[in-house]
C-alpha cells in the first residue's frame, strides 16, 4: 500500500506526463486544453483518468487515450491505468487554461 506522499508524487508525475501529450491538430498539450477532467491514484498504485476529446469525431479519438495510457503506465509505482472517455460535461474552449488560450491567440 502506498503512502499519501507516494500517491501525491504519482499524481504529480501523471500530470507532468499528460502534459507531454498533444492533440495532433492543436499545438497545446491536452492538460492545458482542459481535456483531462480527473486523475485519481489508488493506494495500490492504480491510476484512473477521466478525459474527453474536443469532439466525438476527433481524429485522435483512438490514438490520444492510448498514448495517455501508455505513457502513464511507465511511471514508477503505477500498477495499472484506466483511461475513461467521458462526454459530460462536454468540452468547450472555456475549459482551456490561460496559457493555452494565450498560445492559441484567444486572449
C-alpha atoms as a PDB file:
ATOM      1  CA  UNK A   1       0.000   0.000   0.000  1.00  0.00           C
ATOM      2  CA  UNK A   2       1.315   3.404  -0.988  1.00  0.00           C
ATOM      3  CA  UNK A   3       1.595   6.273   1.457  1.00  0.00           C
ATOM      4  CA  UNK A   4      -0.266   9.542   0.889  1.00  0.00           C
ATOM      5  CA  UNK A   5       3.047  11.164  -0.071  1.00  0.00           C
ATOM      6  CA  UNK A   6       3.740   8.450  -2.655  1.00  0.00           C
ATOM      7  CA  UNK A   7       0.243   8.790  -4.091  1.00  0.00           C
ATOM      8  CA  UNK A   8       0.698  12.572  -4.349  1.00  0.00           C
ATOM      9  CA  UNK A   9       4.040  12.077  -6.096  1.00  0.00           C
ATOM     10  CA  UNK A  10       2.422   9.706  -8.590  1.00  0.00           C
ATOM     11  CA  UNK A  11      -0.405  12.209  -9.148  1.00  0.00           C
ATOM     12  CA  UNK A  12       2.136  14.971  -9.843  1.00  0.00           C
ATOM     13  CA  UNK A  13       4.064  12.683 -12.211  1.00  0.00           C
ATOM     14  CA  UNK A  14       0.855  11.712 -14.023  1.00  0.00           C
ATOM     15  CA  UNK A  15       0.008  15.362 -14.662  1.00  0.00           C
ATOM     16  CA  UNK A  16       3.530  16.105 -15.899  1.00  0.00           C
ATOM     17  CA  UNK A  17       3.378  13.049 -18.163  1.00  0.00           C
ATOM     18  CA  UNK A  18      -0.025  14.034 -19.547  1.00  0.00           C
ATOM     19  CA  UNK A  19       1.430  17.452 -20.368  1.00  0.00           C
ATOM     20  CA  UNK A  20       3.692  15.651 -22.872  1.00  0.00           C
ATOM     21  CA  UNK A  21       0.637  14.502 -24.869  1.00  0.00           C
ATOM     22  CA  UNK A  22      -0.598  16.786 -27.636  1.00  0.00           C
ATOM     23  CA  UNK A  23      -3.670  16.788 -29.814  1.00  0.00           C
ATOM     24  CA  UNK A  24      -2.101  16.390 -33.280  1.00  0.00           C
ATOM     25  CA  UNK A  25      -4.151  19.292 -34.671  1.00  0.00           C
ATOM     26  CA  UNK A  26      -3.595  21.773 -31.827  1.00  0.00           C
ATOM     27  CA  UNK A  27      -0.126  22.880 -30.637  1.00  0.00           C
ATOM     28  CA  UNK A  28      -1.106  22.761 -26.935  1.00  0.00           C
ATOM     29  CA  UNK A  29      -0.876  19.804 -24.567  1.00  0.00           C
ATOM     30  CA  UNK A  30      -4.102  18.040 -23.643  1.00  0.00           C
ATOM     31  CA  UNK A  31      -3.879  19.016 -19.965  1.00  0.00           C
ATOM     32  CA  UNK A  32      -3.775  22.746 -20.756  1.00  0.00           C
ATOM     33  CA  UNK A  33      -6.532  22.225 -23.338  1.00  0.00           C
ATOM     34  CA  UNK A  34      -8.768  21.070 -20.493  1.00  0.00           C
ATOM     35  CA  UNK A  35      -9.273  17.560 -21.861  1.00  0.00           C
ATOM     36  CA  UNK A  36      -8.330  15.922 -18.545  1.00  0.00           C
ATOM     37  CA  UNK A  37     -11.269  16.001 -16.156  1.00  0.00           C
ATOM     38  CA  UNK A  38      -9.911  13.874 -13.324  1.00  0.00           C
ATOM     39  CA  UNK A  39      -6.844  11.935 -12.185  1.00  0.00           C
ATOM     40  CA  UNK A  40      -7.200   9.504  -9.280  1.00  0.00           C
ATOM     41  CA  UNK A  41      -4.423   7.434  -7.743  1.00  0.00           C
ATOM     42  CA  UNK A  42      -5.461   4.466  -5.596  1.00  0.00           C
ATOM     43  CA  UNK A  43      -3.426   3.119  -2.701  1.00  0.00           C
ATOM     44  CA  UNK A  44      -2.371   0.141  -4.802  1.00  0.00           C
ATOM     45  CA  UNK A  45      -0.870   2.396  -7.489  1.00  0.00           C
ATOM     46  CA  UNK A  46      -3.714   2.091  -9.976  1.00  0.00           C
ATOM     47  CA  UNK A  47      -4.412   5.342 -11.839  1.00  0.00           C
ATOM     48  CA  UNK A  48      -7.818   6.246 -13.232  1.00  0.00           C
ATOM     49  CA  UNK A  49      -8.046   9.134 -15.689  1.00  0.00           C
ATOM     50  CA  UNK A  50     -11.251  10.698 -16.935  1.00  0.00           C
ATOM     51  CA  UNK A  51     -10.728  12.630 -20.114  1.00  0.00           C
ATOM     52  CA  UNK A  52     -12.686  13.938 -23.025  1.00  0.00           C
ATOM     53  CA  UNK A  53     -11.920  14.963 -26.584  1.00  0.00           C
ATOM     54  CA  UNK A  54     -12.683  18.193 -28.381  1.00  0.00           C
ATOM     55  CA  UNK A  55     -15.476  16.393 -30.252  1.00  0.00           C
ATOM     56  CA  UNK A  56     -16.802  12.842 -30.691  1.00  0.00           C
ATOM     57  CA  UNK A  57     -15.456  12.935 -34.260  1.00  0.00           C
ATOM     58  CA  UNK A  58     -11.931  13.885 -33.149  1.00  0.00           C
ATOM     59  CA  UNK A  59      -9.396  12.220 -35.476  1.00  0.00           C
ATOM     60  CA  UNK A  60      -7.265  11.364 -32.411  1.00  0.00           C
ATOM     61  CA  UNK A  61     -10.127   9.532 -30.654  1.00  0.00           C
ATOM     62  CA  UNK A  62      -8.258   6.215 -30.801  1.00  0.00           C
ATOM     63  CA  UNK A  63      -4.652   7.344 -30.533  1.00  0.00           C
ATOM     64  CA  UNK A  64      -4.811  10.009 -27.805  1.00  0.00           C
ATOM     65  CA  UNK A  65      -6.283   7.870 -24.975  1.00  0.00           C
ATOM     66  CA  UNK A  66      -3.899   5.038 -25.911  1.00  0.00           C
ATOM     67  CA  UNK A  67      -0.942   7.432 -25.757  1.00  0.00           C
ATOM     68  CA  UNK A  68      -2.023   8.693 -22.321  1.00  0.00           C
ATOM     69  CA  UNK A  69      -2.379   5.127 -21.034  1.00  0.00           C
ATOM     70  CA  UNK A  70       0.965   4.022 -22.440  1.00  0.00           C
ATOM     71  CA  UNK A  71       2.912   6.990 -21.060  1.00  0.00           C
ATOM     72  CA  UNK A  72       1.279   6.941 -17.607  1.00  0.00           C
ATOM     73  CA  UNK A  73       1.860   3.162 -17.360  1.00  0.00           C
ATOM     74  CA  UNK A  74       5.597   3.815 -17.450  1.00  0.00           C
ATOM     75  CA  UNK A  75       5.627   5.950 -14.274  1.00  0.00           C
ATOM     76  CA  UNK A  76       7.306   4.319 -11.264  1.00  0.00           C
ATOM     77  CA  UNK A  77       4.885   2.705  -8.778  1.00  0.00           C
ATOM     78  CA  UNK A  78       1.940   2.816 -11.222  1.00  0.00           C
ATOM     79  CA  UNK A  79       0.392  -0.654 -11.160  1.00  0.00           C
ATOM     80  CA  UNK A  80      -2.254  -0.066 -13.832  1.00  0.00           C
ATOM     81  CA  UNK A  81      -4.027   2.634 -15.791  1.00  0.00           C
ATOM     82  CA  UNK A  82      -7.651   3.050 -16.818  1.00  0.00           C
ATOM     83  CA  UNK A  83      -8.475   5.875 -19.219  1.00  0.00           C
ATOM     84  CA  UNK A  84     -12.182   6.590 -19.386  1.00  0.00           C
ATOM     85  CA  UNK A  85     -13.518   8.815 -22.166  1.00  0.00           C
ATOM     86  CA  UNK A  86     -16.426  10.919 -20.936  1.00  0.00           C
ATOM     87  CA  UNK A  87     -18.643  13.368 -22.785  1.00  0.00           C
ATOM     88  CA  UNK A  88     -20.358  15.021 -19.832  1.00  0.00           C
ATOM     89  CA  UNK A  89     -19.717  17.810 -19.298  1.00  0.00           C
ATOM     90  CA  UNK A  90     -18.926  18.458 -22.947  1.00  0.00           C
ATOM     91  CA  UNK A  91     -15.604  20.100 -23.683  1.00  0.00           C
ATOM     92  CA  UNK A  92     -15.584  23.758 -24.661  1.00  0.00           C
ATOM     93  CA  UNK A  93     -12.808  26.314 -25.133  1.00  0.00           C
ATOM     94  CA  UNK A  94     -13.735  27.730 -21.711  1.00  0.00           C
ATOM     95  CA  UNK A  95     -12.015  24.657 -20.162  1.00  0.00           C
ATOM     96  CA  UNK A  96      -8.637  25.720 -21.571  1.00  0.00           C
ATOM     97  CA  UNK A  97      -6.042  27.210 -19.265  1.00  0.00           C
ATOM     98  CA  UNK A  98      -4.962  30.813 -19.666  1.00  0.00           C
ATOM     99  CA  UNK A  99      -1.635  29.564 -21.067  1.00  0.00           C
ATOM    100  CA  UNK A 100      -3.458  27.522 -23.742  1.00  0.00           C
ATOM    101  CA  UNK A 101      -5.648  30.460 -24.757  1.00  0.00           C
ATOM    102  CA  UNK A 102      -2.565  32.682 -24.975  1.00  0.00           C
ATOM    103  CA  UNK A 103      -0.715  30.085 -27.089  1.00  0.00           C
ATOM    104  CA  UNK A 104      -3.667  29.857 -29.478  1.00  0.00           C
ATOM    105  CA  UNK A 105      -4.161  33.613 -29.674  1.00  0.00           C
ATOM    106  CA  UNK A 106      -7.530  33.547 -27.963  1.00  0.00           C
ATOM    107  CA  UNK A 107      -6.853  36.328 -25.468  1.00  0.00           C
END
